[in-house]
Amino acid sequence: FSDIPALIAALIFGPIAGILVEFFKNVLNYIQTGSQTGIPVGHIANFVAGIVFILPTYFVYTRLKTRKGMTLALIIGTAFMAVMMSILNYLVILPAYTVLMGFPDMRNLVLPAILPFN
């Protein structure tokens, strides 16, 4: 739900506005809550996830400006985000948590536990 304002901003004002809303949302959240790792790994991951959801949705919807076009754009944006964030979780995010917080290697959980929630 936190990506809805960024999506609306992107659809009304363009993709840069959506990216800026994502950026400010995550910076303000980091200032307010901090990070357990000392480095905002989760905030960076949320920023990237928002971008990989907003951009495909924006570009598909600008081509098909109908209700069906919006539905298709949201489906494509969601699928693109799920695939990209699964790849990034496997290659970058989970290894970062492993190093910074001493967690065991959790990359085997990407498909069964992380992909469905992305």
PDB file of N, CA and C in Angstrom:
ATOM      1  N   PHE A   1       0.803  -1.197   0.000  1.00  0.00           N
ATOM      2  CA  PHE A   1       0.000   0.000   0.000  1.00  0.00           C
ATOM      3  C   PHE A   1       0.854   1.272   0.000  1.00  0.00           C
ATOM      4  N   SER A   2       2.066   1.173   0.509  1.00  0.00           N
ATOM      5  CA  SER A   2       2.896   2.381   0.603  1.00  0.00           C
ATOM      6  C   SER A   2       3.393   2.848  -0.764  1.00  0.00           C
ATOM      7  N   ASP A   3       3.276   1.997  -1.780  1.00  0.00           N
ATOM      8  CA  ASP A   3       3.701   2.397  -3.128  1.00  0.00           C
ATOM      9  C   ASP A   3       2.598   3.090  -3.914  1.00  0.00           C
ATOM     10  N   ILE A   4       1.388   3.121  -3.391  1.00  0.00           N
ATOM     11  CA  ILE A   4       0.273   3.732  -4.114  1.00  0.00           C
ATOM     12  C   ILE A   4       0.497   5.227  -4.356  1.00  0.00           C
ATOM     13  N   PRO A   5       0.934   6.014  -3.357  1.00  0.00           N
ATOM     14  CA  PRO A   5       1.189   7.430  -3.664  1.00  0.00           C
ATOM     15  C   PRO A   5       2.254   7.620  -4.748  1.00  0.00           C
ATOM     16  N   ALA A   6       3.295   6.797  -4.731  1.00  0.00           N
ATOM     17  CA  ALA A   6       4.335   6.902  -5.757  1.00  0.00           C
ATOM     18  C   ALA A   6       3.785   6.516  -7.124  1.00  0.00           C
ATOM     19  N   LEU A   7       2.938   5.506  -7.163  1.00  0.00           N
ATOM     20  CA  LEU A   7       2.325   5.101  -8.428  1.00  0.00           C
ATOM     21  C   LEU A   7       1.415   6.203  -8.972  1.00  0.00           C
ATOM     22  N   ILE A   8       0.626   6.797  -8.096  1.00  0.00           N
ATOM     23  CA  ILE A   8      -0.243   7.897  -8.528  1.00  0.00           C
ATOM     24  C   ILE A   8       0.593   9.071  -9.030  1.00  0.00           C
ATOM     25  N   ALA A   9       1.653   9.399  -8.299  1.00  0.00           N
ATOM     26  CA  ALA A   9       2.534  10.493  -8.730  1.00  0.00           C
ATOM     27  C   ALA A   9       3.138  10.196 -10.094  1.00  0.00           C
ATOM     28  N   ALA A  10       3.555   8.950 -10.318  1.00  0.00           N
ATOM     29  CA  ALA A  10       4.143   8.579 -11.610  1.00  0.00           C
ATOM     30  C   ALA A  10       3.115   8.679 -12.725  1.00  0.00           C
ATOM     31  N   LEU A  11       1.914   8.222 -12.474  1.00  0.00           N
ATOM     32  CA  LEU A  11       0.885   8.256 -13.515  1.00  0.00           C
ATOM     33  C   LEU A  11       0.447   9.677 -13.840  1.00  0.00           C
ATOM     34  N   ILE A  12       0.456  10.559 -12.857  1.00  0.00           N
ATOM     35  CA  ILE A  12       0.018  11.940 -13.095  1.00  0.00           C
ATOM     36  C   ILE A  12       1.159  12.825 -13.591  1.00  0.00           C
ATOM     37  N   PHE A  13       2.326  12.724 -12.936  1.00  0.00           N
ATOM     38  CA  PHE A  13       3.419  13.665 -13.205  1.00  0.00           C
ATOM     39  C   PHE A  13       4.610  13.060 -13.947  1.00  0.00           C
ATOM     40  N   GLY A  14       4.620  11.739 -14.130  1.00  0.00           N
ATOM     41  CA  GLY A  14       5.713  11.093 -14.840  1.00  0.00           C
ATOM     42  C   GLY A  14       6.565  10.224 -13.930  1.00  0.00           C
ATOM     43  N   PRO A  15       7.427   9.421 -14.529  1.00  0.00           N
ATOM     44  CA  PRO A  15       8.196   8.441 -13.749  1.00  0.00           C
ATOM     45  C   PRO A  15       9.177   9.066 -12.757  1.00  0.00           C
ATOM     46  N   ILE A  16       9.736  10.225 -13.065  1.00  0.00           N
ATOM     47  CA  ILE A  16      10.675  10.861 -12.137  1.00  0.00           C
ATOM     48  C   ILE A  16       9.961  11.237 -10.838  1.00  0.00           C
ATOM     49  N   ALA A  17       8.742  11.718 -10.943  1.00  0.00           N
ATOM     50  CA  ALA A  17       7.959  12.063  -9.750  1.00  0.00           C
ATOM     51  C   ALA A  17       7.704  10.823  -8.894  1.00  0.00           C
ATOM     52  N   GLY A  18       7.389   9.698  -9.535  1.00  0.00           N
ATOM     53  CA  GLY A  18       7.186   8.455  -8.791  1.00  0.00           C
ATOM     54  C   GLY A  18       8.448   8.004  -8.079  1.00  0.00           C
ATOM     55  N   ILE A  19       9.574   8.126  -8.758  1.00  0.00           N
ATOM     56  CA  ILE A  19      10.854   7.747  -8.148  1.00  0.00           C
ATOM     57  C   ILE A  19      11.165   8.672  -6.970  1.00  0.00           C
ATOM     58  N   LEU A  20      10.908   9.961  -7.129  1.00  0.00           N
ATOM     59  CA  LEU A  20      11.162  10.902  -6.029  1.00  0.00           C
ATOM     60  C   LEU A  20      10.269  10.615  -4.821  1.00  0.00           C
ATOM     61  N   VAL A  21       9.014  10.274  -5.057  1.00  0.00           N
ATOM     62  CA  VAL A  21       8.123   9.922  -3.945  1.00  0.00           C
ATOM     63  C   VAL A  21       8.655   8.682  -3.229  1.00  0.00           C
ATOM     64  N   GLU A  22       9.092   7.685  -3.982  1.00  0.00           N
ATOM     65  CA  GLU A  22       9.695   6.492  -3.373  1.00  0.00           C
ATOM     66  C   GLU A  22      10.926   6.864  -2.553  1.00  0.00           C
ATOM     67  N   PHE A  23      11.769   7.722  -3.105  1.00  0.00           N
ATOM     68  CA  PHE A  23      12.984   8.133  -2.422  1.00  0.00           C
ATOM     69  C   PHE A  23      12.667   8.836  -1.100  1.00  0.00           C
ATOM     70  N   PHE A  24      11.778   9.833  -1.145  1.00  0.00           N
ATOM     71  CA  PHE A  24      11.453  10.578   0.068  1.00  0.00           C
ATOM     72  C   PHE A  24      10.744   9.699   1.090  1.00  0.00           C
ATOM     73  N   LYS A  25       9.897   8.795   0.628  1.00  0.00           N
ATOM     74  CA  LYS A  25       9.218   7.869   1.540  1.00  0.00           C
ATOM     75  C   LYS A  25      10.239   7.053   2.318  1.00  0.00           C
ATOM     76  N   ASN A  26      11.246   6.532   1.633  1.00  0.00           N
ATOM     77  CA  ASN A  26      12.232   5.686   2.293  1.00  0.00           C
ATOM     78  C   ASN A  26      13.212   6.478   3.147  1.00  0.00           C
ATOM     79  N   VAL A  27      13.592   7.661   2.700  1.00  0.00           N
ATOM     80  CA  VAL A  27      14.486   8.499   3.511  1.00  0.00           C
ATOM     81  C   VAL A  27      13.785   8.907   4.805  1.00  0.00           C
ATOM     82  N   LEU A  28      12.533   9.357   4.710  1.00  0.00           N
ATOM     83  CA  LEU A  28      11.799   9.746   5.911  1.00  0.00           C
ATOM     84  C   LEU A  28      11.590   8.565   6.854  1.00  0.00           C
ATOM     85  N   ASN A  29      11.301   7.398   6.302  1.00  0.00           N
ATOM     86  CA  ASN A  29      11.136   6.214   7.136  1.00  0.00           C
ATOM     87  C   ASN A  29      12.438   5.830   7.813  1.00  0.00           C
ATOM     88  N   TYR A  30      13.554   5.936   7.106  1.00  0.00           N
ATOM     89  CA  TYR A  30      14.855   5.621   7.698  1.00  0.00           C
ATOM     90  C   TYR A  30      15.193   6.612   8.813  1.00  0.00           C
ATOM     91  N   ILE A  31      14.926   7.878   8.599  1.00  0.00           N
ATOM     92  CA  ILE A  31      15.183   8.882   9.631  1.00  0.00           C
ATOM     93  C   ILE A  31      14.325   8.611  10.865  1.00  0.00           C
ATOM     94  N   GLN A  32      13.088   8.214  10.637  1.00  0.00           N
ATOM     95  CA  GLN A  32      12.153   8.005  11.738  1.00  0.00           C
ATOM     96  C   GLN A  32      12.412   6.694  12.483  1.00  0.00           C
ATOM     97  N   THR A  33      12.746   5.621  11.753  1.00  0.00           N
ATOM     98  CA  THR A  33      12.845   4.308  12.400  1.00  0.00           C
ATOM     99  C   THR A  33      14.264   3.769  12.508  1.00  0.00           C
ATOM    100  N   GLY A  34      15.180   4.260  11.688  1.00  0.00           N
ATOM    101  CA  GLY A  34      16.535   3.726  11.696  1.00  0.00           C
ATOM    102  C   GLY A  34      16.603   2.370  11.019  1.00  0.00           C
ATOM    103  N   SER A  35      17.692   1.666  11.287  1.00  0.00           N
ATOM    104  CA  SER A  35      17.898   0.353  10.682  1.00  0.00           C
ATOM    105  C   SER A  35      18.652  -0.539  11.659  1.00  0.00           C
ATOM    106  N   GLN A  36      18.247  -1.786  11.755  1.00  0.00           N
ATOM    107  CA  GLN A  36      18.915  -2.724  12.660  1.00  0.00           C
ATOM    108  C   GLN A  36      20.339  -3.004  12.234  1.00  0.00           C
ATOM    109  N   THR A  37      20.618  -2.872  10.951  1.00  0.00           N
ATOM    110  CA  THR A  37      21.952  -3.182  10.459  1.00  0.00           C
ATOM    111  C   THR A  37      22.888  -1.987  10.511  1.00  0.00           C
ATOM    112  N   GLY A  38      22.343  -0.805  10.730  1.00  0.00           N
ATOM    113  CA  GLY A  38      23.149   0.407  10.662  1.00  0.00           C
ATOM    114  C   GLY A  38      23.214   0.955   9.248  1.00  0.00           C
ATOM    115  N   ILE A  39      23.013   0.101   8.292  1.00  0.00           N
ATOM    116  CA  ILE A  39      22.957   0.469   6.878  1.00  0.00           C
ATOM    117  C   ILE A  39      21.524   0.191   6.425  1.00  0.00           C
ATOM    118  N   PRO A  40      20.894   1.109   5.731  1.00  0.00           N
ATOM    119  CA  PRO A  40      19.474   0.930   5.394  1.00  0.00           C
ATOM    120  C   PRO A  40      19.228  -0.097   4.289  1.00  0.00           C
ATOM    121  N   VAL A  41      19.608  -1.337   4.527  1.00  0.00           N
ATOM    122  CA  VAL A  41      19.437  -2.384   3.507  1.00  0.00           C
ATOM    123  C   VAL A  41      17.970  -2.559   3.151  1.00  0.00           C
ATOM    124  N   GLY A  42      17.114  -2.625   4.145  1.00  0.00           N
ATOM    125  CA  GLY A  42      15.688  -2.800   3.892  1.00  0.00           C
ATOM    126  C   GLY A  42      15.072  -1.608   3.184  1.00  0.00           C
ATOM    127  N   HIS A  43      15.517  -0.415   3.525  1.00  0.00           N
ATOM    128  CA  HIS A  43      14.998   0.784   2.884  1.00  0.00           C
ATOM    129  C   HIS A  43      15.451   0.865   1.425  1.00  0.00           C
ATOM    130  N   ILE A  44      16.683   0.496   1.187  1.00  0.00           N
ATOM    131  CA  ILE A  44      17.181   0.467  -0.193  1.00  0.00           C
ATOM    132  C   ILE A  44      16.411  -0.577  -0.997  1.00  0.00           C
ATOM    133  N   ALA A  45      16.185  -1.740  -0.396  1.00  0.00           N
ATOM    134  CA  ALA A  45      15.419  -2.794  -1.076  1.00  0.00           C
ATOM    135  C   ALA A  45      13.996  -2.321  -1.368  1.00  0.00           C
ATOM    136  N   ASN A  46      13.384  -1.615  -0.430  1.00  0.00           N
ATOM    137  CA  ASN A  46      12.036  -1.101  -0.644  1.00  0.00           C
ATOM    138  C   ASN A  46      12.019  -0.053  -1.743  1.00  0.00           C
ATOM    139  N   PHE A  47      13.036   0.796  -1.794  1.00  0.00           N
ATOM    140  CA  PHE A  47      13.152   1.805  -2.846  1.00  0.00           C
ATOM    141  C   PHE A  47      13.256   1.144  -4.220  1.00  0.00           C
ATOM    142  N   VAL A  48      14.113   0.143  -4.328  1.00  0.00           N
ATOM    143  CA  VAL A  48      14.285  -0.567  -5.606  1.00  0.00           C
ATOM    144  C   VAL A  48      12.996  -1.296  -5.980  1.00  0.00           C
ATOM    145  N   ALA A  49      12.358  -1.934  -4.995  1.00  0.00           N
ATOM    146  CA  ALA A  49      11.103  -2.641  -5.272  1.00  0.00           C
ATOM    147  C   ALA A  49      10.035  -1.682  -5.785  1.00  0.00           C
ATOM    148  N   GLY A  50       9.957  -0.509  -5.185  1.00  0.00           N
ATOM    149  CA  GLY A  50       8.988   0.484  -5.650  1.00  0.00           C
ATOM    150  C   GLY A  50       9.256   0.918  -7.077  1.00  0.00           C
ATOM    151  N   ILE A  51      10.526   1.125  -7.390  1.00  0.00           N
ATOM    152  CA  ILE A  51      10.882   1.547  -8.751  1.00  0.00           C
ATOM    153  C   ILE A  51      10.565   0.460  -9.763  1.00  0.00           C
ATOM    154  N   VAL A  52      10.915  -0.791  -9.449  1.00  0.00           N
ATOM    155  CA  VAL A  52      10.667  -1.861 -10.430  1.00  0.00           C
ATOM    156  C   VAL A  52       9.188  -2.220 -10.521  1.00  0.00           C
ATOM    157  N   PHE A  53       8.373  -1.705  -9.612  1.00  0.00           N
ATOM    158  CA  PHE A  53       6.926  -1.837  -9.758  1.00  0.00           C
ATOM    159  C   PHE A  53       6.347  -0.663 -10.538  1.00  0.00           C
ATOM    160  N   ILE A  54       6.777   0.534 -10.209  1.00  0.00           N
ATOM    161  CA  ILE A  54       6.201   1.746 -10.795  1.00  0.00           C
ATOM    162  C   ILE A  54       6.544   1.907 -12.273  1.00  0.00           C
ATOM    163  N   LEU A  55       7.794   1.720 -12.642  1.00  0.00           N
ATOM    164  CA  LEU A  55       8.207   1.993 -14.023  1.00  0.00           C
ATOM    165  C   LEU A  55       7.497   1.124 -15.059  1.00  0.00           C
ATOM    166  N   PRO A  56       7.463  -0.208 -14.897  1.00  0.00           N
ATOM    167  CA  PRO A  56       6.722  -0.994 -15.908  1.00  0.00           C
ATOM    168  C   PRO A  56       5.234  -0.647 -15.937  1.00  0.00           C
ATOM    169  N   THR A  57       4.667  -0.398 -14.756  1.00  0.00           N
ATOM    170  CA  THR A  57       3.255  -0.026 -14.703  1.00  0.00           C
ATOM    171  C   THR A  57       3.024   1.275 -15.457  1.00  0.00           C
ATOM    172  N   TYR A  58       3.874   2.253 -15.234  1.00  0.00           N
ATOM    173  CA  TYR A  58       3.753   3.546 -15.918  1.00  0.00           C
ATOM    174  C   TYR A  58       3.876   3.384 -17.428  1.00  0.00           C
ATOM    175  N   PHE A  59       4.906   2.663 -17.883  1.00  0.00           N
ATOM    176  CA  PHE A  59       5.142   2.565 -19.323  1.00  0.00           C
ATOM    177  C   PHE A  59       4.058   1.763 -20.046  1.00  0.00           C
ATOM    178  N   VAL A  60       3.527   0.738 -19.410  1.00  0.00           N
ATOM    179  CA  VAL A  60       2.438  -0.019 -20.049  1.00  0.00           C
ATOM    180  C   VAL A  60       1.174   0.838 -20.075  1.00  0.00           C
ATOM    181  N   TYR A  61       0.887   1.525 -18.973  1.00  0.00           N
ATOM    182  CA  TYR A  61      -0.335   2.325 -18.932  1.00  0.00           C
ATOM    183  C   TYR A  61      -0.286   3.505 -19.903  1.00  0.00           C
ATOM    184  N   THR A  62       0.890   4.093 -20.138  1.00  0.00           N
ATOM    185  CA  THR A  62       0.961   5.202 -21.092  1.00  0.00           C
ATOM    186  C   THR A  62       0.666   4.743 -22.514  1.00  0.00           C
ATOM    187  N   ARG A  63       0.878   3.458 -22.791  1.00  0.00           N
ATOM    188  CA  ARG A  63       0.548   2.915 -24.113  1.00  0.00           C
ATOM    189  C   ARG A  63      -0.928   2.542 -24.232  1.00  0.00           C
ATOM    190  N   LEU A  64      -1.518   2.073 -23.131  1.00  0.00           N
ATOM    191  CA  LEU A  64      -2.901   1.586 -23.139  1.00  0.00           C
ATOM    192  C   LEU A  64      -3.703   2.335 -22.079  1.00  0.00           C
ATOM    193  N   LYS A  65      -4.199   3.482 -22.390  1.00  0.00           N
ATOM    194  CA  LYS A  65      -4.889   4.309 -21.397  1.00  0.00           C
ATOM    195  C   LYS A  65      -6.374   3.959 -21.307  1.00  0.00           C
ATOM    196  N   THR A  66      -6.636   2.743 -20.849  1.00  0.00           N
ATOM    197  CA  THR A  66      -7.998   2.283 -20.611  1.00  0.00           C
ATOM    198  C   THR A  66      -8.018   1.565 -19.270  1.00  0.00           C
ATOM    199  N   ARG A  67      -9.209   1.174 -18.842  1.00  0.00           N
ATOM    200  CA  ARG A  67      -9.320   0.408 -17.594  1.00  0.00           C
ATOM    201  C   ARG A  67      -8.599  -0.938 -17.736  1.00  0.00           C
ATOM    202  N   LYS A  68      -8.779  -1.581 -18.897  1.00  0.00           N
ATOM    203  CA  LYS A  68      -8.066  -2.842 -19.141  1.00  0.00           C
ATOM    204  C   LYS A  68      -6.563  -2.615 -19.221  1.00  0.00           C
ATOM    205  N   GLY A  69      -6.162  -1.481 -19.778  1.00  0.00           N
ATOM    206  CA  GLY A  69      -4.746  -1.143 -19.836  1.00  0.00           C
ATOM    207  C   GLY A  69      -4.151  -0.983 -18.451  1.00  0.00           C
ATOM    208  N   MET A  70      -4.897  -0.343 -17.540  1.00  0.00           N
ATOM    209  CA  MET A  70      -4.417  -0.190 -16.164  1.00  0.00           C
ATOM    210  C   MET A  70      -4.329  -1.542 -15.477  1.00  0.00           C
ATOM    211  N   THR A  71      -5.306  -2.388 -15.707  1.00  0.00           N
ATOM    212  CA  THR A  71      -5.273  -3.722 -15.111  1.00  0.00           C
ATOM    213  C   THR A  71      -4.067  -4.503 -15.620  1.00  0.00           C
ATOM    214  N   LEU A  72      -3.856  -4.473 -16.917  1.00  0.00           N
ATOM    215  CA  LEU A  72      -2.700  -5.152 -17.497  1.00  0.00           C
ATOM    216  C   LEU A  72      -1.393  -4.544 -16.987  1.00  0.00           C
ATOM    217  N   ALA A  73      -1.332  -3.227 -16.882  1.00  0.00           N
ATOM    218  CA  ALA A  73      -0.129  -2.548 -16.398  1.00  0.00           C
ATOM    219  C   ALA A  73       0.184  -2.954 -14.965  1.00  0.00           C
ATOM    220  N   LEU A  74      -0.836  -3.041 -14.113  1.00  0.00           N
ATOM    221  CA  LEU A  74      -0.617  -3.442 -12.726  1.00  0.00           C
ATOM    222  C   LEU A  74      -0.172  -4.895 -12.627  1.00  0.00           C
ATOM    223  N   ILE A  75      -0.728  -5.755 -13.467  1.00  0.00           N
ATOM    224  CA  ILE A  75      -0.321  -7.166 -13.465  1.00  0.00           C
ATOM    225  C   ILE A  75       1.125  -7.290 -13.916  1.00  0.00           C
ATOM    226  N   ILE A  76       1.490  -6.586 -14.984  1.00  0.00           N
ATOM    227  CA  ILE A  76       2.866  -6.636 -15.486  1.00  0.00           C
ATOM    228  C   ILE A  76       3.824  -6.035 -14.462  1.00  0.00           C
ATOM    229  N   GLY A  77       3.454  -4.909 -13.863  1.00  0.00           N
ATOM    230  CA  GLY A  77       4.303  -4.299 -12.842  1.00  0.00           C
ATOM    231  C   GLY A  77       4.521  -5.213 -11.650  1.00  0.00           C
ATOM    232  N   THR A  78       3.455  -5.878 -11.216  1.00  0.00           N
ATOM    233  CA  THR A  78       3.559  -6.800 -10.084  1.00  0.00           C
ATOM    234  C   THR A  78       4.437  -7.998 -10.431  1.00  0.00           C
ATOM    235  N   ALA A  79       4.234  -8.565 -11.605  1.00  0.00           N
ATOM    236  CA  ALA A  79       5.041  -9.717 -12.026  1.00  0.00           C
ATOM    237  C   ALA A  79       6.513  -9.324 -12.188  1.00  0.00           C
ATOM    238  N   PHE A  80       6.760  -8.174 -12.798  1.00  0.00           N
ATOM    239  CA  PHE A  80       8.134  -7.706 -12.994  1.00  0.00           C
ATOM    240  C   PHE A  80       8.817  -7.474 -11.644  1.00  0.00           C
ATOM    241  N   MET A  81       8.087  -6.859 -10.710  1.00  0.00           N
ATOM    242  CA  MET A  81       8.648  -6.622  -9.388  1.00  0.00           C
ATOM    243  C   MET A  81       8.951  -7.938  -8.672  1.00  0.00           C
ATOM    244  N   ALA A  82       8.045  -8.899  -8.753  1.00  0.00           N
ATOM    245  CA  ALA A  82       8.256 -10.179  -8.076  1.00  0.00           C
ATOM    246  C   ALA A  82       9.495 -10.888  -8.617  1.00  0.00           C
ATOM    247  N   VAL A  83       9.652 -10.904  -9.924  1.00  0.00           N
ATOM    248  CA  VAL A  83      10.808 -11.576 -10.527  1.00  0.00           C
ATOM    249  C   VAL A  83      12.100 -10.837 -10.202  1.00  0.00           C
ATOM    250  N   MET A  84      12.107  -9.514 -10.402  1.00  0.00           N
ATOM    251  CA  MET A  84      13.330  -8.741 -10.159  1.00  0.00           C
ATOM    252  C   MET A  84      13.739  -8.759  -8.690  1.00  0.00           C
ATOM    253  N   MET A  85      12.775  -8.641  -7.785  1.00  0.00           N
ATOM    254  CA  MET A  85      13.118  -8.634  -6.366  1.00  0.00           C
ATOM    255  C   MET A  85      13.548 -10.016  -5.900  1.00  0.00           C
ATOM    256  N   SER A  86      13.041 -11.068  -6.512  1.00  0.00           N
ATOM    257  CA  SER A  86      13.528 -12.413  -6.172  1.00  0.00           C
ATOM    258  C   SER A  86      14.988 -12.558  -6.575  1.00  0.00           C
ATOM    259  N   ILE A  87      15.318 -12.064  -7.754  1.00  0.00           N
ATOM    260  CA  ILE A  87      16.708 -12.112  -8.213  1.00  0.00           C
ATOM    261  C   ILE A  87      17.589 -11.266  -7.300  1.00  0.00           C
ATOM    262  N   LEU A  88      17.152 -10.045  -6.993  1.00  0.00           N
ATOM    263  CA  LEU A  88      17.940  -9.174  -6.129  1.00  0.00           C
ATOM    264  C   LEU A  88      18.040  -9.708  -4.703  1.00  0.00           C
ATOM    265  N   ASN A  89      16.973 -10.335  -4.199  1.00  0.00           N
ATOM    266  CA  ASN A  89      17.045 -10.963  -2.886  1.00  0.00           C
ATOM    267  C   ASN A  89      18.101 -12.055  -2.874  1.00  0.00           C
ATOM    268  N   TYR A  90      18.116 -12.848  -3.927  1.00  0.00           N
ATOM    269  CA  TYR A  90      19.073 -13.951  -3.995  1.00  0.00           C
ATOM    270  C   TYR A  90      20.510 -13.451  -4.116  1.00  0.00           C
ATOM    271  N   LEU A  91      20.718 -12.445  -4.956  1.00  0.00           N
ATOM    272  CA  LEU A  91      22.084 -12.005  -5.260  1.00  0.00           C
ATOM    273  C   LEU A  91      22.623 -10.926  -4.323  1.00  0.00           C
ATOM    274  N   VAL A  92      21.764 -10.041  -3.794  1.00  0.00           N
ATOM    275  CA  VAL A  92      22.269  -8.872  -3.070  1.00  0.00           C
ATOM    276  C   VAL A  92      21.696  -8.742  -1.656  1.00  0.00           C
ATOM    277  N   ILE A  93      20.390  -8.727  -1.533  1.00  0.00           N
ATOM    278  CA  ILE A  93      19.762  -8.349  -0.273  1.00  0.00           C
ATOM    279  C   ILE A  93      19.992  -9.378   0.826  1.00  0.00           C
ATOM    280  N   LEU A  94      19.684 -10.632   0.571  1.00  0.00           N
ATOM    281  CA  LEU A  94      19.898 -11.652   1.592  1.00  0.00           C
ATOM    282  C   LEU A  94      21.378 -11.826   1.944  1.00  0.00           C
ATOM    283  N   PRO A  95      22.301 -11.810   0.966  1.00  0.00           N
ATOM    284  CA  PRO A  95      23.718 -11.838   1.363  1.00  0.00           C
ATOM    285  C   PRO A  95      24.122 -10.628   2.219  1.00  0.00           C
ATOM    286  N   ALA A  96      23.528  -9.463   1.968  1.00  0.00           N
ATOM    287  CA  ALA A  96      23.833  -8.289   2.785  1.00  0.00           C
ATOM    288  C   ALA A  96      23.369  -8.504   4.227  1.00  0.00           C
ATOM    289  N   TYR A  97      22.166  -9.034   4.415  1.00  0.00           N
ATOM    290  CA  TYR A  97      21.700  -9.335   5.767  1.00  0.00           C
ATOM    291  C   TYR A  97      22.554 -10.417   6.413  1.00  0.00           C
ATOM    292  N   THR A  98      22.996 -11.383   5.628  1.00  0.00           N
ATOM    293  CA  THR A  98      23.853 -12.438   6.159  1.00  0.00           C
ATOM    294  C   THR A  98      25.141 -11.849   6.729  1.00  0.00           C
ATOM    295  N   VAL A  99      25.744 -10.930   5.999  1.00  0.00           N
ATOM    296  CA  VAL A  99      27.000 -10.319   6.444  1.00  0.00           C
ATOM    297  C   VAL A  99      26.773  -9.340   7.592  1.00  0.00           C
ATOM    298  N   LEU A 100      25.788  -8.474   7.465  1.00  0.00           N
ATOM    299  CA  LEU A 100      25.607  -7.397   8.433  1.00  0.00           C
ATOM    300  C   LEU A 100      24.981  -7.835   9.746  1.00  0.00           C
ATOM    301  N   MET A 101      24.131  -8.845   9.701  1.00  0.00           N
ATOM    302  CA  MET A 101      23.430  -9.245  10.924  1.00  0.00           C
ATOM    303  C   MET A 101      23.812 -10.643  11.400  1.00  0.00           C
ATOM    304  N   GLY A 102      24.674 -11.306  10.655  1.00  0.00           N
ATOM    305  CA  GLY A 102      25.093 -12.638  11.067  1.00  0.00           C
ATOM    306  C   GLY A 102      24.032 -13.703  10.893  1.00  0.00           C
ATOM    307  N   PHE A 103      23.061 -13.454  10.028  1.00  0.00           N
ATOM    308  CA  PHE A 103      22.035 -14.452   9.758  1.00  0.00           C
ATOM    309  C   PHE A 103      22.660 -15.613   8.985  1.00  0.00           C
ATOM    310  N   PRO A 104      22.072 -16.793   9.096  1.00  0.00           N
ATOM    311  CA  PRO A 104      22.535 -17.893   8.233  1.00  0.00           C
ATOM    312  C   PRO A 104      22.139 -17.608   6.785  1.00  0.00           C
ATOM    313  N   ASP A 105      22.768 -18.307   5.854  1.00  0.00           N
ATOM    314  CA  ASP A 105      22.453 -18.118   4.436  1.00  0.00           C
ATOM    315  C   ASP A 105      21.008 -18.546   4.184  1.00  0.00           C
ATOM    316  N   MET A 106      20.170 -17.616   3.744  1.00  0.00           N
ATOM    317  CA  MET A 106      18.740 -17.877   3.559  1.00  0.00           C
ATOM    318  C   MET A 106      18.330 -17.868   2.102  1.00  0.00           C
ATOM    319  N   ARG A 107      19.280 -17.940   1.195  1.00  0.00           N
ATOM    320  CA  ARG A 107      18.924 -17.825  -0.225  1.00  0.00           C
ATOM    321  C   ARG A 107      18.063 -18.979  -0.710  1.00  0.00           C
ATOM    322  N   ASN A 108      18.081 -20.111  -0.007  1.00  0.00           N
ATOM    323  CA  ASN A 108      17.223 -21.229  -0.406  1.00  0.00           C
ATOM    324  C   ASN A 108      15.747 -20.931  -0.135  1.00  0.00           C
ATOM    325  N   LEU A 109      15.440 -19.842   0.571  1.00  0.00           N
ATOM    326  CA  LEU A 109      14.060 -19.474   0.870  1.00  0.00           C
ATOM    327  C   LEU A 109      13.442 -18.521  -0.145  1.00  0.00           C
ATOM    328  N   VAL A 110      14.217 -18.116  -1.160  1.00  0.00           N
ATOM    329  CA  VAL A 110      13.717 -17.110  -2.111  1.00  0.00           C
ATOM    330  C   VAL A 110      12.454 -17.608  -2.819  1.00  0.00           C
ATOM    331  N   LEU A 111      12.482 -18.780  -3.402  1.00  0.00           N
ATOM    332  CA  LEU A 111      11.306 -19.259  -4.145  1.00  0.00           C
ATOM    333  C   LEU A 111      10.130 -19.620  -3.233  1.00  0.00           C
ATOM    334  N   PRO A 112      10.330 -20.417  -2.178  1.00  0.00           N
ATOM    335  CA  PRO A 112       9.151 -20.810  -1.406  1.00  0.00           C
ATOM    336  C   PRO A 112       8.614 -19.742  -0.454  1.00  0.00           C
ATOM    337  N   ALA A 113       9.467 -18.831   0.035  1.00  0.00           N
ATOM    338  CA  ALA A 113       9.011 -17.898   1.078  1.00  0.00           C
ATOM    339  C   ALA A 113       9.011 -16.437   0.657  1.00  0.00           C
ATOM    340  N   ILE A 114       9.903 -16.019  -0.223  1.00  0.00           N
ATOM    341  CA  ILE A 114      10.001 -14.601  -0.553  1.00  0.00           C
ATOM    342  C   ILE A 114       9.223 -14.255  -1.826  1.00  0.00           C
ATOM    343  N   LEU A 115       9.333 -15.057  -2.861  1.00  0.00           N
ATOM    344  CA  LEU A 115       8.635 -14.778  -4.123  1.00  0.00           C
ATOM    345  C   LEU A 115       7.130 -14.593  -3.944  1.00  0.00           C
ATOM    346  N   PRO A 116       6.431 -15.450  -3.177  1.00  0.00           N
ATOM    347  CA  PRO A 116       4.982 -15.239  -3.032  1.00  0.00           C
ATOM    348  C   PRO A 116       4.613 -13.906  -2.392  1.00  0.00           C
ATOM    349  N   PHE A 117       5.487 -13.361  -1.536  1.00  0.00           N
ATOM    350  CA  PHE A 117       5.170 -12.110  -0.851  1.00  0.00           C
ATOM    351  C   PHE A 117       5.609 -10.889  -1.649  1.00  0.00           C
ATOM    352  N   ASN A 118       6.473 -11.071  -2.621  1.00  0.00           N
ATOM    353  CA  ASN A 118       6.847  -9.947  -3.499  1.00  0.00           C
ATOM    354  C   ASN A 118       5.693  -9.651  -4.421  1.00  0.00           C
TER     355      ASN A 118
END
